[in-house]
Structure formats: C-alpha cells, structure tokens
Protein backbone atom coordinates (compact mmCIF):
# COMPACT_ATOMS: atom_id res chain seq x y z
CA MET A 1 -3.24 8.82 43.29
CA LYS A 2 -3.92 5.40 44.81
CA ILE A 3 -6.62 2.91 43.77
CA SER A 4 -8.00 1.26 46.90
CA ASN A 5 -8.63 -2.45 47.14
CA GLU A 6 -12.02 -1.65 48.70
CA LEU A 7 -13.12 0.40 45.69
CA ASN A 8 -11.83 -2.25 43.32
CA LEU A 9 -13.72 -4.96 45.22
CA LEU A 10 -16.94 -2.93 45.16
CA LEU A 11 -16.62 -2.47 41.43
CA GLN A 12 -15.90 -6.15 40.81
CA CYS A 13 -18.85 -7.29 42.93
CA SER A 14 -21.23 -4.85 41.25
CA SER A 15 -20.04 -5.83 37.81
CA LEU A 16 -20.39 -9.53 38.55
CA PHE A 17 -23.92 -9.08 39.90
CA PHE A 18 -25.16 -7.06 36.93
CA ALA A 19 -23.30 -9.22 34.40
CA ILE A 20 -25.03 -12.36 35.69
CA LEU A 21 -28.39 -10.56 35.96
CA PHE A 22 -28.45 -8.85 32.56
CA ASN A 23 -26.91 -11.72 30.60
CA SER A 24 -29.28 -14.23 32.19
CA ILE A 25 -32.24 -12.05 31.25
CA LEU A 26 -30.90 -11.68 27.72
CA ILE A 27 -30.46 -15.43 27.31
CA TYR A 28 -34.04 -15.93 28.49
CA LEU A 29 -35.27 -13.34 25.99
CA ILE A 30 -33.25 -14.90 23.17
CA ILE A 31 -34.69 -18.34 23.86
CA THR A 32 -38.31 -17.26 24.36
CA LYS A 33 -38.80 -14.01 22.40
CA SER A 34 -36.55 -14.15 19.34
CA PRO A 35 -38.10 -13.67 15.88
CA LYS A 36 -37.95 -16.92 13.91
CA LYS A 37 -35.92 -15.28 11.19
CA MET A 38 -32.89 -14.88 13.46
CA GLY A 39 -31.95 -18.52 12.89
CA ASN A 40 -28.58 -19.54 14.34
CA TYR A 41 -27.84 -15.93 15.22
CA LYS A 42 -29.62 -16.78 18.48
CA VAL A 43 -26.96 -19.39 19.20
CA LEU A 44 -24.19 -16.85 18.64
CA MET A 45 -25.84 -14.37 21.01
CA ILE A 46 -26.24 -17.02 23.71
CA TYR A 47 -22.59 -17.95 23.23
CA PHE A 48 -21.59 -14.30 23.59
CA SER A 49 -23.70 -13.81 26.75
CA THR A 50 -22.39 -16.99 28.33
CA PHE A 51 -18.84 -15.83 27.71
CA SER A 52 -19.62 -12.42 29.27
CA MET A 53 -20.75 -14.14 32.47
CA LEU A 54 -17.62 -16.29 32.51
CA PHE A 55 -15.53 -13.17 31.90
CA ALA A 56 -17.15 -11.44 34.90
CA VAL A 57 -16.52 -14.43 37.17
CA ILE A 58 -12.83 -14.62 36.23
CA ASP A 59 -12.45 -10.86 36.59
CA MET A 60 -13.96 -11.09 40.07
CA ILE A 61 -11.54 -13.86 41.02
CA VAL A 62 -8.48 -11.98 39.77
CA ARG A 63 -9.57 -8.42 40.68
CA PRO A 64 -6.80 -6.94 38.51
CA PHE A 65 -5.21 -3.54 38.41
CA ILE A 66 -4.17 -2.42 34.92
CA HIS A 67 -1.48 0.20 34.55
CA SER A 68 1.15 1.72 32.29
CA HIS A 69 4.46 2.98 33.66
CA GLY A 70 7.33 4.29 31.58
CA ASN A 71 8.45 1.53 29.22
CA CYS A 72 6.09 -1.07 30.66
CA PHE A 73 2.40 -1.95 30.70
CA PHE A 74 1.05 -4.54 33.08
CA MET A 75 -1.90 -6.24 34.73
CA ILE A 76 -1.29 -7.01 38.39
CA MET A 77 -3.14 -9.12 40.95
CA SER A 78 -2.94 -8.98 44.73
CA ILE A 79 -2.36 -12.34 46.43
CA LYS A 80 -2.45 -11.06 50.01
CA ASP A 81 -5.75 -12.86 50.60
CA TRP A 82 -5.33 -15.46 47.87
CA PRO A 83 -5.95 -18.90 49.42
CA PHE A 84 -4.14 -20.92 46.75
CA SER A 85 -0.61 -21.16 45.34
CA GLU A 86 1.18 -18.37 43.50
CA ASP A 87 1.33 -20.54 40.37
CA LEU A 88 -2.45 -20.86 40.38
CA ALA A 89 -2.74 -17.08 40.70
CA GLN A 90 -0.46 -16.69 37.69
CA ILE A 91 -2.69 -19.05 35.72
CA ALA A 92 -5.77 -17.04 36.76
CA ILE A 93 -4.34 -13.72 35.57
CA SER A 94 -3.24 -15.30 32.28
CA VAL A 95 -6.75 -16.71 31.77
CA LEU A 96 -8.16 -13.21 32.30
CA CYS A 97 -5.74 -11.89 29.68
CA GLY A 98 -7.00 -14.64 27.40
CA CYS A 99 -10.55 -13.36 27.82
CA GLY A 100 -9.40 -10.11 26.25
CA GLY A 101 -8.34 -12.03 23.16
CA VAL A 102 -11.70 -13.79 22.82
CA THR A 103 -13.96 -10.73 22.69
CA PRO A 104 -12.86 -8.96 19.47
CA PHE A 105 -13.19 -12.20 17.50
CA LEU A 106 -16.66 -12.78 18.92
CA ILE A 107 -17.81 -9.38 17.70
CA ALA A 108 -16.14 -9.89 14.31
CA ILE A 109 -18.03 -13.17 13.86
CA HIS A 110 -21.31 -11.40 14.65
CA PHE A 111 -20.58 -8.90 11.90
CA ILE A 112 -19.82 -11.70 9.45
CA TYR A 113 -23.11 -13.43 10.24
CA ARG A 114 -25.11 -10.23 9.80
CA PHE A 115 -23.47 -9.57 6.43
CA PHE A 116 -24.16 -13.12 5.22
CA ALA A 117 -27.80 -12.74 6.29
CA LEU A 118 -28.12 -9.49 4.35
CA GLU A 119 -26.23 -10.76 1.34
CA ARG A 120 -28.85 -13.47 0.60
CA LYS A 121 -26.46 -15.79 -1.26
CA GLY A 122 -26.99 -18.85 0.90
CA ARG A 123 -23.82 -18.38 2.92
CA LEU A 124 -25.69 -18.73 6.22
CA ARG A 125 -25.28 -22.47 5.67
CA TYR A 126 -21.72 -21.94 6.89
CA PHE A 127 -23.19 -21.10 10.30
CA SER A 128 -25.07 -24.39 10.65
CA GLY A 129 -24.15 -27.97 11.49
CA LYS A 130 -20.47 -28.77 11.73
CA TYR A 131 -19.52 -25.30 10.50
CA LEU A 132 -21.00 -23.71 13.61
CA ILE A 133 -18.42 -25.47 15.78
CA PHE A 134 -15.70 -23.87 13.66
CA TRP A 135 -17.05 -20.37 14.44
CA PHE A 136 -17.13 -21.22 18.15
CA ILE A 137 -13.49 -22.31 18.09
CA ILE A 138 -12.11 -19.17 16.43
CA PRO A 139 -12.61 -16.84 19.48
CA ILE A 140 -11.20 -19.53 21.75
CA LEU A 141 -8.05 -19.62 19.64
CA GLY A 142 -7.83 -15.84 20.00
CA GLY A 143 -8.02 -16.28 23.76
CA VAL A 144 -5.40 -19.04 23.70
CA ASN A 145 -3.10 -16.67 21.84
CA TRP A 146 -3.40 -13.94 24.49
CA PHE A 147 -3.03 -16.53 27.27
CA HIS A 148 0.13 -17.78 25.57
CA LEU A 149 1.57 -14.26 25.42
CA SER A 150 0.80 -13.64 29.08
CA TRP A 151 2.16 -16.97 30.27
CA PHE A 152 5.34 -17.23 28.21
CA TYR A 153 6.32 -13.61 27.49
CA TYR A 154 4.92 -11.47 30.29
CA ARG A 155 5.57 -13.49 33.44
CA ARG A 156 7.40 -12.23 36.50
CA ASN A 157 11.13 -11.60 36.19
CA ASP A 158 13.61 -9.72 38.34
CA LYS A 159 14.15 -6.75 36.02
CA THR A 160 10.45 -6.08 35.53
CA THR A 161 9.76 -6.52 39.23
CA GLU A 162 12.34 -3.89 40.17
CA TYR A 163 11.15 -1.50 37.46
CA ILE A 164 7.50 -1.44 38.55
CA ARG A 165 8.07 -1.91 42.29
CA GLN A 166 7.72 1.75 43.25
CA THR A 167 4.77 2.58 41.02
CA VAL A 168 2.87 -0.48 42.27
CA LEU A 169 3.41 0.60 45.88
CA GLU A 170 2.47 4.22 45.18
CA ASN A 171 -0.60 3.53 43.07
CA PHE A 172 -1.99 0.33 44.55
CA GLY A 173 -0.43 0.08 48.00
CA LEU A 174 1.04 -3.35 47.23
CA HIS A 175 4.49 -4.81 47.79
CA MET A 176 5.80 -6.98 44.98
CA ASN A 177 5.91 -10.11 47.14
CA GLU A 178 2.14 -9.68 47.54
CA THR A 179 1.45 -9.80 43.80
CA VAL A 180 1.57 -11.72 40.57
CA TYR A 181 1.50 -9.87 37.29
CA SER A 182 1.55 -10.03 33.51
CA ALA A 183 3.84 -7.31 32.16
CA ALA A 184 5.59 -6.23 28.98
CA PHE A 185 8.82 -4.36 29.77
CA PHE A 186 10.16 -3.12 26.42
CA TYR A 187 13.53 -1.72 27.46
CA PRO A 188 15.08 -3.62 30.37
CA PRO A 189 18.64 -2.61 31.35
CA ASP A 190 21.57 -4.74 30.23
CA ASP A 191 24.51 -5.73 32.44
CA GLN A 192 25.88 -2.19 32.21
CA GLY A 193 22.52 -0.68 33.15
CA VAL A 194 21.81 0.62 29.64
CA PRO A 195 18.19 0.14 28.46
CA GLN A 196 17.99 -2.23 25.49
CA LEU A 197 14.99 -3.34 23.45
CA ASP A 198 13.83 -6.80 24.49
CA TRP A 199 13.21 -8.49 21.15
CA SER A 200 11.07 -11.25 22.62
CA ILE A 201 8.72 -8.62 24.07
CA PHE A 202 8.74 -6.76 20.77
CA ILE A 203 7.82 -9.94 18.88
CA SER A 204 5.00 -10.59 21.36
CA TYR A 205 3.80 -7.04 20.71
CA ILE A 206 3.70 -7.76 16.96
CA ILE A 207 1.67 -10.93 17.61
CA LEU A 208 -0.69 -8.95 19.84
CA SER A 209 -1.08 -6.25 17.20
CA ILE A 210 -1.90 -8.78 14.48
CA SER A 211 -4.49 -10.44 16.72
CA MET A 212 -6.23 -7.06 17.03
CA ALA A 213 -5.78 -5.94 13.42
CA LEU A 214 -7.45 -9.04 11.98
CA PRO A 215 -10.85 -8.74 13.77
CA PHE A 216 -10.71 -4.98 13.35
CA THR A 217 -10.38 -5.32 9.58
CA ILE A 218 -13.23 -7.83 9.49
CA MET A 219 -15.50 -5.55 11.54
CA VAL A 220 -14.80 -2.51 9.37
CA ILE A 221 -15.31 -4.31 6.06
CA ALA A 222 -18.31 -6.39 7.10
CA GLY A 223 -19.85 -3.44 8.94
CA ALA A 224 -19.52 -1.11 5.97
CA MET A 225 -20.90 -3.68 3.54
CA SER A 226 -23.78 -4.51 5.89
CA HIS A 227 -24.70 -0.86 6.19
CA SER A 228 -24.79 -0.61 2.41
CA LYS A 229 -26.99 -3.70 2.14
CA ILE A 230 -29.44 -2.39 4.74
CA LYS A 231 -29.91 0.82 2.77
CA LYS A 232 -30.96 -1.22 -0.25
CA LEU A 233 -33.49 -3.40 1.57
CA LEU A 234 -36.52 -1.32 0.62
CA GLU A 235 -35.28 -0.97 -2.94
CA HIS A 236 -35.51 -4.76 -3.20
CA GLY A 237 -39.11 -4.77 -2.03
CA GLU A 238 -38.47 -5.82 1.58
CA CYS A 239 -41.18 -5.23 4.13
CA ASP A 240 -40.87 -2.67 6.90
CA TYR A 241 -40.53 -5.39 9.55
CA THR A 242 -37.54 -6.92 7.81
CA LYS A 243 -35.76 -3.60 7.47
CA ARG A 244 -36.49 -2.70 11.09
CA LEU A 245 -35.10 -5.98 12.41
CA GLN A 246 -31.94 -5.76 10.32
CA LEU A 247 -31.34 -2.16 11.39
CA GLN A 248 -31.88 -3.08 15.05
CA LEU A 249 -29.41 -5.96 14.92
CA TYR A 250 -26.83 -3.85 13.13
CA LYS A 251 -27.17 -0.98 15.62
CA ALA A 252 -26.91 -3.43 18.51
CA LEU A 253 -23.66 -4.79 17.09
CA VAL A 254 -22.20 -1.31 16.79
CA VAL A 255 -23.23 -0.34 20.32
CA GLN A 256 -21.90 -3.64 21.71
CA THR A 257 -18.61 -2.91 20.00
CA ILE A 258 -18.56 0.55 21.60
CA ALA A 259 -19.17 -1.03 25.02
CA LEU A 260 -16.32 -3.44 24.43
CA LEU A 261 -14.01 -0.70 23.34
CA CYS A 262 -14.76 1.51 26.31
CA ARG A 263 -13.98 -1.21 28.84
CA THR A 264 -10.53 -1.83 27.52
CA HIS A 265 -8.78 1.44 28.19
CA PHE A 266 -9.91 5.03 27.83
CA PHE A 267 -13.28 6.75 27.64
CA GLN A 268 -13.85 7.10 23.93
CA THR A 269 -16.91 7.65 21.80
CA PHE A 270 -18.35 7.21 18.35
CA LEU A 271 -16.91 4.53 16.05
CA PRO A 272 -15.37 1.19 17.09
CA VAL A 273 -11.98 2.16 15.68
CA PHE A 274 -11.79 5.01 18.21
CA LEU A 275 -13.28 2.98 21.04
CA PHE A 276 -11.21 -0.17 21.02
CA PHE A 277 -8.24 -0.39 18.75
CA LEU A 278 -6.80 3.09 19.26
CA PRO A 279 -7.14 3.04 23.07
CA LEU A 280 -5.90 -0.54 23.34
CA GLY A 281 -3.14 0.13 20.89
CA ALA A 282 -2.17 3.26 22.82
CA LEU A 283 -1.76 1.37 26.09
CA PHE A 284 0.31 -1.34 24.41
CA THR A 285 2.28 0.92 22.07
CA ALA A 286 3.07 3.95 24.25
CA PRO A 287 5.75 2.17 26.33
CA LEU A 288 7.50 1.07 23.14
CA PHE A 289 8.02 4.75 22.24
CA HIS A 290 8.90 5.87 25.79
CA VAL A 291 5.52 7.55 26.33
CA ASP A 292 4.35 7.28 29.94
CA ILE A 293 0.54 7.21 30.03
CA GLY A 294 0.60 7.01 33.81
CA SER A 295 -2.64 7.92 35.56
CA TRP A 296 -4.64 7.76 32.31
CA SER A 297 -4.41 3.99 32.54
CA TYR A 298 -6.27 3.90 35.88
CA VAL A 299 -9.60 3.95 34.10
CA THR A 300 -8.84 0.66 32.35
CA THR A 301 -9.12 -1.22 35.62
CA TYR A 302 -12.74 -0.14 36.02
CA LEU A 303 -13.82 -0.31 32.39
CA TYR A 304 -12.34 -3.78 32.02
CA ALA A 305 -14.59 -4.96 34.85
CA LEU A 306 -17.70 -3.13 33.64
CA TYR A 307 -17.75 -4.58 30.14
CA PRO A 308 -19.48 -7.93 30.89
CA ALA A 309 -22.26 -6.06 32.72
CA VAL A 310 -23.02 -3.53 29.97
CA ASP A 311 -22.47 -5.82 26.99
CA PRO A 312 -26.01 -7.35 26.88
CA LEU A 313 -27.81 -4.00 27.16
CA PRO A 314 -27.63 -2.96 23.46
CA ILE A 315 -29.34 -6.14 22.28
CA MET A 316 -31.98 -5.93 25.01
CA PHE A 317 -32.96 -2.35 24.31
CA ILE A 318 -32.41 -2.01 20.55
CA VAL A 319 -34.19 -5.16 19.34
CA GLN A 320 -37.86 -4.32 19.80
CA GLU A 321 -39.03 -7.83 20.66
CA TYR A 322 -36.53 -8.05 23.51
CA ARG A 323 -37.18 -4.50 24.68
CA LEU A 324 -40.93 -5.00 24.95
CA ALA A 325 -40.49 -8.35 26.69
CA PHE A 326 -38.01 -6.77 29.10
CA TYR A 327 -40.53 -4.04 29.94
CA GLU A 328 -43.18 -6.71 30.47
CA LEU A 329 -41.04 -8.24 33.21
CA PHE A 330 -41.17 -4.95 35.10
CA ASP A 331 -44.84 -4.51 34.27
CA CYS A 332 -45.50 -7.79 36.03
CA PHE A 333 -43.82 -6.48 39.18
CA ARG A 334 -45.71 -3.18 38.95
CA CYS A 335 -48.98 -5.00 38.17
CA THR A 336 -49.57 -2.85 35.09
CA VAL A 337 -50.82 -3.79 31.66
CA PRO A 338 -47.87 -5.00 29.51
CA ALA A 339 -47.09 -3.42 26.17
CA ALA A 340 -48.61 -4.98 23.12
CA LYS A 341 -46.55 -7.67 21.48
CA VAL A 342 -45.14 -7.24 18.02
CA GLU A 343 -46.52 -9.69 15.51
CA ASP A 344 -44.03 -11.35 13.17
CA ASN A 345 -45.74 -11.46 9.79
CA SER A 346 -42.58 -11.36 7.72
CA THR A 347 -41.18 -14.18 5.64
CA MET A 348 -37.75 -12.76 5.00
CA TYR A 349 -35.86 -15.97 5.55
CA ARG A 350 -36.79 -19.43 4.44
CA GLU A 351 -36.26 -21.86 7.26
CA SER A 352 -33.45 -23.53 5.39
CA GLU A 353 -31.64 -20.20 5.09
CA ALA A 354 -32.14 -19.08 8.69
CA VAL A 355 -31.00 -22.32 10.32
C-alpha cells in the first residue's frame, strides 16, 4: 500500500483551511459571546485555538508521513520540492514534533482550571496576573522537550537510513536522498551485524513516556474530581444555569481530548486513556518489543493533520452560548430569524474569583 503525495497534499490543504476557519470563528465567539463567569478561561481557550492554527500551518509546511517499521518508528518529510536547505527542513520537522509535546499539556491545564473553578477555594487566582504567564510557559516547555528529542536523538544517521530505505520507497514512493526524517531505531546492528539496543534511544523513549504520563495523570485526576464536583452542584444550591455551563465545559474538554487522541495514531473511542496514551504509546513502544505495526500506522499521517481542524468543534457545539451564536452566523446568510439568545442571570462567580 502506498500513500500518494497528492492525497497527502489534499488532506493537508483541507485541514489547514478548516483549522483556520473553525478556530477563527471560535476565537470570535470567545471574545464576543462568552458568559462573564468564564473569567480567564477565555484566555486559555484563545491560547489553545491560536496554537491549533499554528499547528496546522506547520503541518502544512512539513506534510509529514508517520510510520512504524520493525524496530523503528519515524516521521518523514519529502524535500523533493522543498525550496530551502536540508537543515531548515530538519528544523521544520523537529518543530512539528514539538507541537505534539505541547498539546497534552494544554489539555491538562484546561482540566486544572476547570477543577479550580468547581472547587471554589480561591485557587483561580493562580490563573491571573503573573501566574497566567507560568501556565502559558508549561506547554511550551513540553514542546521544547519533544523538539529536543527529535533534534538530538532522532536525526538522520546511516544505520537508520539503510533500515527504513525500502519501506519508505514502497509505502511513500520516496528515495532517502529526497527526505529528512525524525526516527527512533531501537536495535541498530553492531559492527558484526548483530542488533543491539541503542541506550540513547531507549533513554529518549523514557523521557518521552514521562512527558506523556505526567499530563495523563493530571487529566485523569482532575477530570475525575471535576466530575464529582459537578454532581454536587445542585446539592449546594447552585442554579440550573451554573450547572449547565459547568457540564458543557467539562464535556467539551473530554471531547477535545478525544479529538486530540484520535489524531495521534489509531481510531479509538470512548475515554481519553484509550484515545491518546494507549495509541501513542503503542506506536512508540511496539518497536522496542519487536512488534511491527506496519500499515496500521498509516492512519496517523491523516489524523495528525486533522486534529487542528476538529479541535475547536467541541467547544463551539457543546457550550450553548457559542452554539447559538454559531447558528446565528448561518441564519444571517440564510436570512432567517436567529435563535433566541440565552440570558445570563447567574452570579456563580464573583468578579474577583473569575478573573
């Protein structure tokens, strides 16, 4: 089975178009239609949407193929029509790898904010002022970590090039002198041709695993505690509007996580643990144990590109204020009467708590 460059280009162009369109609409809705009680959560959502657009642009520039072969997993980029130097192409593919390290931390931070908002102990102050910059930096550090792994551990070398040469030609129609790649080859041959574990690659795998385990743990704990808090909202005398908004934001987070998880590797469903960490871990871990995923990894190329386009949809369609405003945009084009607006009569947050 061969993945054509034409199909890949069509996918990348479509993803870029819809990522810019949907995320721009979402940012507009966040700025103009957000309930006052969302506070600085609006800033986090704008940050997330802006990153998704940047992600789509970089993915379009690189147009990667993602694959697993034998004892190796890799992301490869064609430079046949690349107008710049090979070194610049290597930087571009490493930056795209870095984007993969940003996203899980972004979602984990969203879960933390939602839990603090539900907890009502004044901890939302840690998402204001100088503290807000700290939360912005954390995902960037996650991206720097993945960029570092790609640049220093997974760069081109002769043994990896020879190992993946045939599968790259068969699956993508590319010769190795027409590519740059980021690859982890776990068992390169020694001078006698005997496969030996590359300890530097193994250490990089441990670092990669930790960088996924940390946001995963945060999402599971904060998500479970948030769900418990939401169930108790009415018991504490909260109004229906407050409970509805909290439930909508929580559901949107879960669905966004599912969208993220799907784009990374395999089609999975249900909970985030099955949609991101298991598929991602499978692609990274299988070569270590001599398991050849092969053609199953084809889907990662497409899902990786689709993520920035589908990421804003949960927020737009689950939060009622955004959904109604989104429908109004189409009502204007159809010249129909827009849906009635939802009045915000709740006083769940004091302004000092929400900001």
